[in-house]
Amino acid sequence: MAYADHAPTLASGANIAAFNVGNAFGAWLGGLTLAAGLGYTSPLWAGAAVTAAGLVVLLLAARARGGELTTRGPAPAHAHADTARQDRQTASVEL
């Protein structure tokens, strides 16, 4: 959402889609390990391997950014007041 100031709905939809793809991939991979006859605990190990791979990708991406894991700092205190003021102005115009 930090990079989608003008399209938060699109960013939210992409986030949900990525979640669903990950969920489907996990179910497929778990089923694949079971079908291979690796035992009932094999999906746990496959999930742990995927999680470790994701953590490695996160750390490499953070290193490429110069070690920064956050995208933005905290919002200034006046930003919340400005948003509330804009909401009140919009509500009075719509009435």
PDB file of N, CA and C in Angstrom:
ATOM      1  N   MET A   1       0.811  -1.196   0.000  1.00  0.00           N
ATOM      2  CA  MET A   1       0.000   0.000   0.000  1.00  0.00           C
ATOM      3  C   MET A   1       0.856   1.261   0.000  1.00  0.00           C
ATOM      4  N   ALA A   2       2.104   1.155   0.379  1.00  0.00           N
ATOM      5  CA  ALA A   2       2.971   2.322   0.436  1.00  0.00           C
ATOM      6  C   ALA A   2       3.212   2.901  -0.949  1.00  0.00           C
ATOM      7  N   TYR A   3       3.138   2.078  -1.967  1.00  0.00           N
ATOM      8  CA  TYR A   3       3.398   2.546  -3.327  1.00  0.00           C
ATOM      9  C   TYR A   3       2.122   2.736  -4.127  1.00  0.00           C
ATOM     10  N   ALA A   4       0.980   2.608  -3.519  1.00  0.00           N
ATOM     11  CA  ALA A   4      -0.287   2.683  -4.235  1.00  0.00           C
ATOM     12  C   ALA A   4      -1.170   3.793  -3.688  1.00  0.00           C
ATOM     13  N   ASP A   5      -0.602   4.980  -3.557  1.00  0.00           N
ATOM     14  CA  ASP A   5      -1.375   6.094  -3.012  1.00  0.00           C
ATOM     15  C   ASP A   5      -2.618   6.409  -3.837  1.00  0.00           C
ATOM     16  N   HIS A   6      -2.527   6.264  -5.163  1.00  0.00           N
ATOM     17  CA  HIS A   6      -3.628   6.641  -6.036  1.00  0.00           C
ATOM     18  C   HIS A   6      -4.495   5.456  -6.450  1.00  0.00           C
ATOM     19  N   ALA A   7      -4.122   4.244  -6.055  1.00  0.00           N
ATOM     20  CA  ALA A   7      -4.910   3.064  -6.419  1.00  0.00           C
ATOM     21  C   ALA A   7      -4.934   2.047  -5.277  1.00  0.00           C
ATOM     22  N   PRO A   8      -5.453   2.431  -4.117  1.00  0.00           N
ATOM     23  CA  PRO A   8      -5.450   1.495  -2.985  1.00  0.00           C
ATOM     24  C   PRO A   8      -6.338   0.277  -3.217  1.00  0.00           C
ATOM     25  N   THR A   9      -7.424   0.429  -3.969  1.00  0.00           N
ATOM     26  CA  THR A   9      -8.299  -0.706  -4.233  1.00  0.00           C
ATOM     27  C   THR A   9      -7.604  -1.735  -5.099  1.00  0.00           C
ATOM     28  N   LEU A  10      -6.877  -1.273  -6.098  1.00  0.00           N
ATOM     29  CA  LEU A  10      -6.122  -2.178  -6.953  1.00  0.00           C
ATOM     30  C   LEU A  10      -5.037  -2.895  -6.157  1.00  0.00           C
ATOM     31  N   ALA A  11      -4.342  -2.182  -5.301  1.00  0.00           N
ATOM     32  CA  ALA A  11      -3.299  -2.793  -4.471  1.00  0.00           C
ATOM     33  C   ALA A  11      -3.900  -3.821  -3.522  1.00  0.00           C
ATOM     34  N   SER A  12      -5.047  -3.521  -2.955  1.00  0.00           N
ATOM     35  CA  SER A  12      -5.704  -4.463  -2.062  1.00  0.00           C
ATOM     36  C   SER A  12      -6.127  -5.717  -2.814  1.00  0.00           C
ATOM     37  N   GLY A  13      -6.650  -5.552  -4.015  1.00  0.00           N
ATOM     38  CA  GLY A  13      -7.033  -6.702  -4.832  1.00  0.00           C
ATOM     39  C   GLY A  13      -5.842  -7.560  -5.210  1.00  0.00           C
ATOM     40  N   ALA A  14      -4.722  -6.920  -5.542  1.00  0.00           N
ATOM     41  CA  ALA A  14      -3.509  -7.664  -5.874  1.00  0.00           C
ATOM     42  C   ALA A  14      -2.982  -8.412  -4.655  1.00  0.00           C
ATOM     43  N   ASN A  15      -3.100  -7.816  -3.485  1.00  0.00           N
ATOM     44  CA  ASN A  15      -2.674  -8.468  -2.250  1.00  0.00           C
ATOM     45  C   ASN A  15      -3.513  -9.716  -1.982  1.00  0.00           C
ATOM     46  N   ILE A  16      -4.814  -9.613  -2.149  1.00  0.00           N
ATOM     47  CA  ILE A  16      -5.700 -10.755  -1.936  1.00  0.00           C
ATOM     48  C   ILE A  16      -5.422 -11.838  -2.974  1.00  0.00           C
ATOM     49  N   ALA A  17      -5.188 -11.442  -4.223  1.00  0.00           N
ATOM     50  CA  ALA A  17      -4.879 -12.417  -5.274  1.00  0.00           C
ATOM     51  C   ALA A  17      -3.583 -13.159  -4.966  1.00  0.00           C
ATOM     52  N   ALA A  18      -2.564 -12.450  -4.496  1.00  0.00           N
ATOM     53  CA  ALA A  18      -1.303 -13.096  -4.139  1.00  0.00           C
ATOM     54  C   ALA A  18      -1.498 -14.070  -2.982  1.00  0.00           C
ATOM     55  N   PHE A  19      -2.331 -13.704  -2.028  1.00  0.00           N
ATOM     56  CA  PHE A  19      -2.636 -14.602  -0.916  1.00  0.00           C
ATOM     57  C   PHE A  19      -3.292 -15.882  -1.430  1.00  0.00           C
ATOM     58  N   ASN A  20      -4.248 -15.748  -2.338  1.00  0.00           N
ATOM     59  CA  ASN A  20      -4.946 -16.914  -2.876  1.00  0.00           C
ATOM     60  C   ASN A  20      -4.014 -17.798  -3.700  1.00  0.00           C
ATOM     61  N   VAL A  21      -3.112 -17.197  -4.468  1.00  0.00           N
ATOM     62  CA  VAL A  21      -2.138 -17.980  -5.233  1.00  0.00           C
ATOM     63  C   VAL A  21      -1.226 -18.751  -4.278  1.00  0.00           C
ATOM     64  N   GLY A  22      -0.773 -18.116  -3.227  1.00  0.00           N
ATOM     65  CA  GLY A  22       0.061 -18.787  -2.240  1.00  0.00           C
ATOM     66  C   GLY A  22      -0.674 -19.923  -1.551  1.00  0.00           C
ATOM     67  N   ASN A  23      -1.943 -19.719  -1.250  1.00  0.00           N
ATOM     68  CA  ASN A  23      -2.751 -20.755  -0.623  1.00  0.00           C
ATOM     69  C   ASN A  23      -2.908 -21.958  -1.556  1.00  0.00           C
ATOM     70  N   ALA A  24      -3.176 -21.695  -2.824  1.00  0.00           N
ATOM     71  CA  ALA A  24      -3.315 -22.780  -3.802  1.00  0.00           C
ATOM     72  C   ALA A  24      -1.990 -23.511  -3.999  1.00  0.00           C
ATOM     73  N   PHE A  25      -0.897 -22.759  -4.044  1.00  0.00           N
ATOM     74  CA  PHE A  25       0.424 -23.380  -4.199  1.00  0.00           C
ATOM     75  C   PHE A  25       0.741 -24.287  -3.016  1.00  0.00           C
ATOM     76  N   GLY A  26       0.436 -23.837  -1.811  1.00  0.00           N
ATOM     77  CA  GLY A  26       0.679 -24.642  -0.623  1.00  0.00           C
ATOM     78  C   GLY A  26      -0.129 -25.927  -0.623  1.00  0.00           C
ATOM     79  N   ALA A  27      -1.402 -25.837  -1.012  1.00  0.00           N
ATOM     80  CA  ALA A  27      -2.229 -27.038  -1.083  1.00  0.00           C
ATOM     81  C   ALA A  27      -1.712 -27.996  -2.146  1.00  0.00           C
ATOM     82  N   TRP A  28      -1.309 -27.457  -3.287  1.00  0.00           N
ATOM     83  CA  TRP A  28      -0.770 -28.296  -4.366  1.00  0.00           C
ATOM     84  C   TRP A  28       0.518 -28.982  -3.924  1.00  0.00           C
ATOM     85  N   LEU A  29       1.410 -28.220  -3.305  1.00  0.00           N
ATOM     86  CA  LEU A  29       2.688 -28.784  -2.869  1.00  0.00           C
ATOM     87  C   LEU A  29       2.474 -29.837  -1.786  1.00  0.00           C
ATOM     88  N   GLY A  30       1.569 -29.589  -0.861  1.00  0.00           N
ATOM     89  CA  GLY A  30       1.262 -30.575   0.169  1.00  0.00           C
ATOM     90  C   GLY A  30       0.679 -31.848  -0.415  1.00  0.00           C
ATOM     91  N   GLY A  31      -0.214 -31.689  -1.380  1.00  0.00           N
ATOM     92  CA  GLY A  31      -0.778 -32.858  -2.049  1.00  0.00           C
ATOM     93  C   GLY A  31       0.267 -33.627  -2.835  1.00  0.00           C
ATOM     94  N   LEU A  32       1.191 -32.898  -3.432  1.00  0.00           N
ATOM     95  CA  LEU A  32       2.270 -33.533  -4.192  1.00  0.00           C
ATOM     96  C   LEU A  32       3.160 -34.377  -3.282  1.00  0.00           C
ATOM     97  N   THR A  33       3.478 -33.869  -2.107  1.00  0.00           N
ATOM     98  CA  THR A  33       4.316 -34.638  -1.183  1.00  0.00           C
ATOM     99  C   THR A  33       3.582 -35.869  -0.660  1.00  0.00           C
ATOM    100  N   LEU A  34       2.272 -35.736  -0.428  1.00  0.00           N
ATOM    101  CA  LEU A  34       1.496 -36.894   0.019  1.00  0.00           C
ATOM    102  C   LEU A  34       1.389 -37.942  -1.084  1.00  0.00           C
ATOM    103  N   ALA A  35       1.157 -37.479  -2.311  1.00  0.00           N
ATOM    104  CA  ALA A  35       1.044 -38.405  -3.434  1.00  0.00           C
ATOM    105  C   ALA A  35       2.368 -39.116  -3.713  1.00  0.00           C
ATOM    106  N   ALA A  36       3.461 -38.474  -3.380  1.00  0.00           N
ATOM    107  CA  ALA A  36       4.772 -39.087  -3.585  1.00  0.00           C
ATOM    108  C   ALA A  36       5.067 -40.143  -2.526  1.00  0.00           C
ATOM    109  N   GLY A  37       4.187 -40.266  -1.524  1.00  0.00           N
ATOM    110  CA  GLY A  37       4.368 -41.272  -0.497  1.00  0.00           C
ATOM    111  C   GLY A  37       5.390 -40.899   0.562  1.00  0.00           C
ATOM    112  N   LEU A  38       5.571 -39.607   0.782  1.00  0.00           N
ATOM    113  CA  LEU A  38       6.565 -39.156   1.753  1.00  0.00           C
ATOM    114  C   LEU A  38       6.038 -39.123   3.182  1.00  0.00           C
ATOM    115  N   GLY A  39       4.797 -39.489   3.391  1.00  0.00           N
ATOM    116  CA  GLY A  39       4.228 -39.543   4.737  1.00  0.00           C
ATOM    117  C   GLY A  39       3.359 -38.335   5.046  1.00  0.00           C
ATOM    118  N   TYR A  40       2.608 -38.481   6.133  1.00  0.00           N
ATOM    119  CA  TYR A  40       1.654 -37.432   6.503  1.00  0.00           C
ATOM    120  C   TYR A  40       2.306 -36.178   7.071  1.00  0.00           C
ATOM    121  N   THR A  41       3.536 -36.255   7.486  1.00  0.00           N
ATOM    122  CA  THR A  41       4.214 -35.055   7.979  1.00  0.00           C
ATOM    123  C   THR A  41       4.960 -34.313   6.877  1.00  0.00           C
ATOM    124  N   SER A  42       5.005 -34.871   5.686  1.00  0.00           N
ATOM    125  CA  SER A  42       5.758 -34.231   4.594  1.00  0.00           C
ATOM    126  C   SER A  42       5.222 -32.848   4.204  1.00  0.00           C
ATOM    127  N   PRO A  43       3.904 -32.602   4.246  1.00  0.00           N
ATOM    128  CA  PRO A  43       3.458 -31.232   3.946  1.00  0.00           C
ATOM    129  C   PRO A  43       4.007 -30.205   4.934  1.00  0.00           C
ATOM    130  N   LEU A  44       4.220 -30.613   6.178  1.00  0.00           N
ATOM    131  CA  LEU A  44       4.793 -29.689   7.167  1.00  0.00           C
ATOM    132  C   LEU A  44       6.210 -29.284   6.759  1.00  0.00           C
ATOM    133  N   TRP A  45       7.006 -30.272   6.337  1.00  0.00           N
ATOM    134  CA  TRP A  45       8.380 -29.989   5.923  1.00  0.00           C
ATOM    135  C   TRP A  45       8.409 -29.181   4.630  1.00  0.00           C
ATOM    136  N   ALA A  46       7.495 -29.463   3.722  1.00  0.00           N
ATOM    137  CA  ALA A  46       7.427 -28.682   2.479  1.00  0.00           C
ATOM    138  C   ALA A  46       7.051 -27.230   2.793  1.00  0.00           C
ATOM    139  N   GLY A  47       6.104 -27.039   3.709  1.00  0.00           N
ATOM    140  CA  GLY A  47       5.726 -25.682   4.120  1.00  0.00           C
ATOM    141  C   GLY A  47       6.860 -24.942   4.784  1.00  0.00           C
ATOM    142  N   ALA A  48       7.618 -25.662   5.604  1.00  0.00           N
ATOM    143  CA  ALA A  48       8.773 -25.038   6.258  1.00  0.00           C
ATOM    144  C   ALA A  48       9.824 -24.628   5.227  1.00  0.00           C
ATOM    145  N   ALA A  49      10.014 -25.453   4.204  1.00  0.00           N
ATOM    146  CA  ALA A  49      10.988 -25.119   3.154  1.00  0.00           C
ATOM    147  C   ALA A  49      10.545 -23.899   2.352  1.00  0.00           C
ATOM    148  N   VAL A  50       9.261 -23.817   2.041  1.00  0.00           N
ATOM    149  CA  VAL A  50       8.739 -22.652   1.306  1.00  0.00           C
ATOM    150  C   VAL A  50       8.860 -21.394   2.166  1.00  0.00           C
ATOM    151  N   THR A  51       8.579 -21.505   3.450  1.00  0.00           N
ATOM    152  CA  THR A  51       8.715 -20.370   4.364  1.00  0.00           C
ATOM    153  C   THR A  51      10.163 -19.902   4.441  1.00  0.00           C
ATOM    154  N   ALA A  52      11.086 -20.848   4.541  1.00  0.00           N
ATOM    155  CA  ALA A  52      12.510 -20.487   4.587  1.00  0.00           C
ATOM    156  C   ALA A  52      12.939 -19.806   3.287  1.00  0.00           C
ATOM    157  N   ALA A  53      12.446 -20.312   2.163  1.00  0.00           N
ATOM    158  CA  ALA A  53      12.778 -19.692   0.872  1.00  0.00           C
ATOM    159  C   ALA A  53      12.227 -18.265   0.799  1.00  0.00           C
ATOM    160  N   GLY A  54      11.020 -18.053   1.311  1.00  0.00           N
ATOM    161  CA  GLY A  54      10.441 -16.711   1.339  1.00  0.00           C
ATOM    162  C   GLY A  54      11.230 -15.766   2.225  1.00  0.00           C
ATOM    163  N   LEU A  55      11.707 -16.261   3.347  1.00  0.00           N
ATOM    164  CA  LEU A  55      12.526 -15.444   4.242  1.00  0.00           C
ATOM    165  C   LEU A  55      13.847 -15.061   3.577  1.00  0.00           C
ATOM    166  N   VAL A  56      14.428 -15.981   2.837  1.00  0.00           N
ATOM    167  CA  VAL A  56      15.674 -15.682   2.115  1.00  0.00           C
ATOM    168  C   VAL A  56      15.424 -14.592   1.070  1.00  0.00           C
ATOM    169  N   VAL A  57      14.320 -14.699   0.350  1.00  0.00           N
ATOM    170  CA  VAL A  57      13.989 -13.673  -0.650  1.00  0.00           C
ATOM    171  C   VAL A  57      13.784 -12.319   0.031  1.00  0.00           C
ATOM    172  N   LEU A  58      13.093 -12.294   1.163  1.00  0.00           N
ATOM    173  CA  LEU A  58      12.886 -11.044   1.907  1.00  0.00           C
ATOM    174  C   LEU A  58      14.203 -10.422   2.330  1.00  0.00           C
ATOM    175  N   LEU A  59      15.095 -11.229   2.865  1.00  0.00           N
ATOM    176  CA  LEU A  59      16.383 -10.703   3.325  1.00  0.00           C
ATOM    177  C   LEU A  59      17.242 -10.215   2.159  1.00  0.00           C
ATOM    178  N   LEU A  60      17.213 -10.913   1.033  1.00  0.00           N
ATOM    179  CA  LEU A  60      17.957 -10.455  -0.144  1.00  0.00           C
ATOM    180  C   LEU A  60      17.388  -9.145  -0.685  1.00  0.00           C
ATOM    181  N   ALA A  61      16.060  -9.025  -0.681  1.00  0.00           N
ATOM    182  CA  ALA A  61      15.434  -7.782  -1.142  1.00  0.00           C
ATOM    183  C   ALA A  61      15.781  -6.630  -0.205  1.00  0.00           C
ATOM    184  N   ALA A  62      15.788  -6.891   1.100  1.00  0.00           N
ATOM    185  CA  ALA A  62      16.146  -5.843   2.062  1.00  0.00           C
ATOM    186  C   ALA A  62      17.601  -5.439   1.889  1.00  0.00           C
ATOM    187  N   ARG A  63      18.446  -6.401   1.625  1.00  0.00           N
ATOM    188  CA  ARG A  63      19.868  -6.079   1.416  1.00  0.00           C
ATOM    189  C   ARG A  63      20.045  -5.253   0.148  1.00  0.00           C
ATOM    190  N   ALA A  64      19.276  -5.561  -0.887  1.00  0.00           N
ATOM    191  CA  ALA A  64      19.359  -4.794  -2.130  1.00  0.00           C
ATOM    192  C   ALA A  64      18.906  -3.349  -1.922  1.00  0.00           C
ATOM    193  N   ARG A  65      18.004  -3.139  -0.968  1.00  0.00           N
ATOM    194  CA  ARG A  65      17.534  -1.778  -0.645  1.00  0.00           C
ATOM    195  C   ARG A  65      18.470  -1.055   0.295  1.00  0.00           C
ATOM    196  N   GLY A  66      19.522  -1.696   0.704  1.00  0.00           N
ATOM    197  CA  GLY A  66      20.449  -1.067   1.636  1.00  0.00           C
ATOM    198  C   GLY A  66      20.167  -1.454   3.071  1.00  0.00           C
ATOM    199  N   GLY A  67      19.543  -2.587   3.294  1.00  0.00           N
ATOM    200  CA  GLY A  67      19.275  -3.062   4.643  1.00  0.00           C
ATOM    201  C   GLY A  67      17.997  -2.545   5.242  1.00  0.00           C
ATOM    202  N   GLU A  68      17.209  -1.803   4.484  1.00  0.00           N
ATOM    203  CA  GLU A  68      15.982  -1.207   5.004  1.00  0.00           C
ATOM    204  C   GLU A  68      14.818  -2.170   4.821  1.00  0.00           C
ATOM    205  N   LEU A  69      14.172  -2.568   5.917  1.00  0.00           N
ATOM    206  CA  LEU A  69      13.043  -3.491   5.839  1.00  0.00           C
ATOM    207  C   LEU A  69      11.699  -2.779   5.784  1.00  0.00           C
ATOM    208  N   THR A  70      11.642  -1.504   6.115  1.00  0.00           N
ATOM    209  CA  THR A  70      10.388  -0.764   6.073  1.00  0.00           C
ATOM    210  C   THR A  70      10.361   0.111   4.835  1.00  0.00           C
ATOM    211  N   THR A  71       9.163   0.426   4.363  1.00  0.00           N
ATOM    212  CA  THR A  71       9.032   1.268   3.181  1.00  0.00           C
ATOM    213  C   THR A  71       8.902   2.737   3.537  1.00  0.00           C
ATOM    214  N   ARG A  72       8.296   3.023   4.663  1.00  0.00           N
ATOM    215  CA  ARG A  72       8.101   4.416   5.092  1.00  0.00           C
ATOM    216  C   ARG A  72       8.225   4.508   6.598  1.00  0.00           C
ATOM    217  N   GLY A  73       8.518   5.700   7.040  1.00  0.00           N
ATOM    218  CA  GLY A  73       8.536   5.950   8.476  1.00  0.00           C
ATOM    219  C   GLY A  73       7.118   6.203   8.958  1.00  0.00           C
ATOM    220  N   PRO A  74       6.963   6.484  10.241  1.00  0.00           N
ATOM    221  CA  PRO A  74       5.625   6.773  10.762  1.00  0.00           C
ATOM    222  C   PRO A  74       5.082   8.068  10.171  1.00  0.00           C
ATOM    223  N   ALA A  75       3.770   8.133  10.039  1.00  0.00           N
ATOM    224  CA  ALA A  75       3.131   9.322   9.492  1.00  0.00           C
ATOM    225  C   ALA A  75       3.268  10.473  10.480  1.00  0.00           C
ATOM    226  N   PRO A  76       3.457  11.689   9.982  1.00  0.00           N
ATOM    227  CA  PRO A  76       3.519  12.834  10.890  1.00  0.00           C
ATOM    228  C   PRO A  76       2.189  13.015  11.612  1.00  0.00           C
ATOM    229  N   ALA A  77       2.240  13.604  12.779  1.00  0.00           N
ATOM    230  CA  ALA A  77       1.034  13.760  13.600  1.00  0.00           C
ATOM    231  C   ALA A  77      -0.030  14.587  12.890  1.00  0.00           C
ATOM    232  N   HIS A  78       0.374  15.570  12.101  1.00  0.00           N
ATOM    233  CA  HIS A  78      -0.602  16.429  11.433  1.00  0.00           C
ATOM    234  C   HIS A  78      -1.293  15.727  10.274  1.00  0.00           C
ATOM    235  N   ALA A  79      -0.753  14.624   9.781  1.00  0.00           N
ATOM    236  CA  ALA A  79      -1.356  13.916   8.648  1.00  0.00           C
ATOM    237  C   ALA A  79      -2.732  13.379   9.011  1.00  0.00           C
ATOM    238  N   HIS A  80      -2.905  12.893  10.241  1.00  0.00           N
ATOM    239  CA  HIS A  80      -4.193  12.363  10.659  1.00  0.00           C
ATOM    240  C   HIS A  80      -5.216  13.482  10.792  1.00  0.00           C
ATOM    241  N   ALA A  81      -4.802  14.631  11.267  1.00  0.00           N
ATOM    242  CA  ALA A  81      -5.713  15.764  11.405  1.00  0.00           C
ATOM    243  C   ALA A  81      -6.149  16.255  10.032  1.00  0.00           C
ATOM    244  N   ASP A  82      -5.220  16.291   9.062  1.00  0.00           N
ATOM    245  CA  ASP A  82      -5.570  16.721   7.706  1.00  0.00           C
ATOM    246  C   ASP A  82      -6.574  15.777   7.076  1.00  0.00           C
ATOM    247  N   THR A  83      -6.403  14.480   7.269  1.00  0.00           N
ATOM    248  CA  THR A  83      -7.321  13.496   6.705  1.00  0.00           C
ATOM    249  C   THR A  83      -8.707  13.652   7.303  1.00  0.00           C
ATOM    250  N   ALA A  84      -8.791  13.855   8.610  1.00  0.00           N
ATOM    251  CA  ALA A  84     -10.080  14.037   9.270  1.00  0.00           C
ATOM    252  C   ALA A  84     -10.757  15.305   8.768  1.00  0.00           C
ATOM    253  N   ARG A  85      -9.979  16.374   8.571  1.00  0.00           N
ATOM    254  CA  ARG A  85     -10.543  17.627   8.061  1.00  0.00           C
ATOM    255  C   ARG A  85     -11.091  17.425   6.649  1.00  0.00           C
ATOM    256  N   GLN A  86     -10.364  16.711   5.804  1.00  0.00           N
ATOM    257  CA  GLN A  86     -10.816  16.459   4.439  1.00  0.00           C
ATOM    258  C   GLN A  86     -12.075  15.608   4.440  1.00  0.00           C
ATOM    259  N   ASP A  87     -12.162  14.638   5.346  1.00  0.00           N
ATOM    260  CA  ASP A  87     -13.357  13.804   5.442  1.00  0.00           C
ATOM    261  C   ASP A  87     -14.574  14.633   5.818  1.00  0.00           C
ATOM    262  N   ARG A  88     -14.402  15.568   6.764  1.00  0.00           N
ATOM    263  CA  ARG A  88     -15.518  16.421   7.161  1.00  0.00           C
ATOM    264  C   ARG A  88     -15.941  17.330   6.017  1.00  0.00           C
ATOM    265  N   GLN A  89     -14.976  17.868   5.261  1.00  0.00           N
ATOM    266  CA  GLN A  89     -15.305  18.736   4.142  1.00  0.00           C
ATOM    267  C   GLN A  89     -16.041  17.957   3.062  1.00  0.00           C
ATOM    268  N   THR A  90     -15.596  16.750   2.775  1.00  0.00           N
ATOM    269  CA  THR A  90     -16.244  15.919   1.759  1.00  0.00           C
ATOM    270  C   THR A  90     -17.663  15.578   2.195  1.00  0.00           C
ATOM    271  N   ALA A  91     -17.855  15.254   3.462  1.00  0.00           N
ATOM    272  CA  ALA A  91     -19.175  14.903   3.959  1.00  0.00           C
ATOM    273  C   ALA A  91     -20.113  16.094   3.866  1.00  0.00           C
ATOM    274  N   SER A  92     -19.635  17.308   4.155  1.00  0.00           N
ATOM    275  CA  SER A  92     -20.522  18.481   4.087  1.00  0.00           C
ATOM    276  C   SER A  92     -20.856  18.824   2.646  1.00  0.00           C
ATOM    277  N   VAL A  93     -19.957  18.543   1.688  1.00  0.00           N
ATOM    278  CA  VAL A  93     -20.243  18.825   0.285  1.00  0.00           C
ATOM    279  C   VAL A  93     -21.264  17.829  -0.255  1.00  0.00           C
ATOM    280  N   GLU A  94     -21.179  16.565   0.199  1.00  0.00           N
ATOM    281  CA  GLU A  94     -22.090  15.547  -0.302  1.00  0.00           C
ATOM    282  C   GLU A  94     -23.516  15.728   0.200  1.00  0.00           C
ATOM    283  N   LEU A  95     -23.690  16.413   1.330  1.00  0.00           N
ATOM    284  CA  LEU A  95     -25.030  16.616   1.879  1.00  0.00           C
ATOM    285  C   LEU A  95     -25.731  17.634   1.055  1.00  0.00           C
TER     286      LEU A  95
END
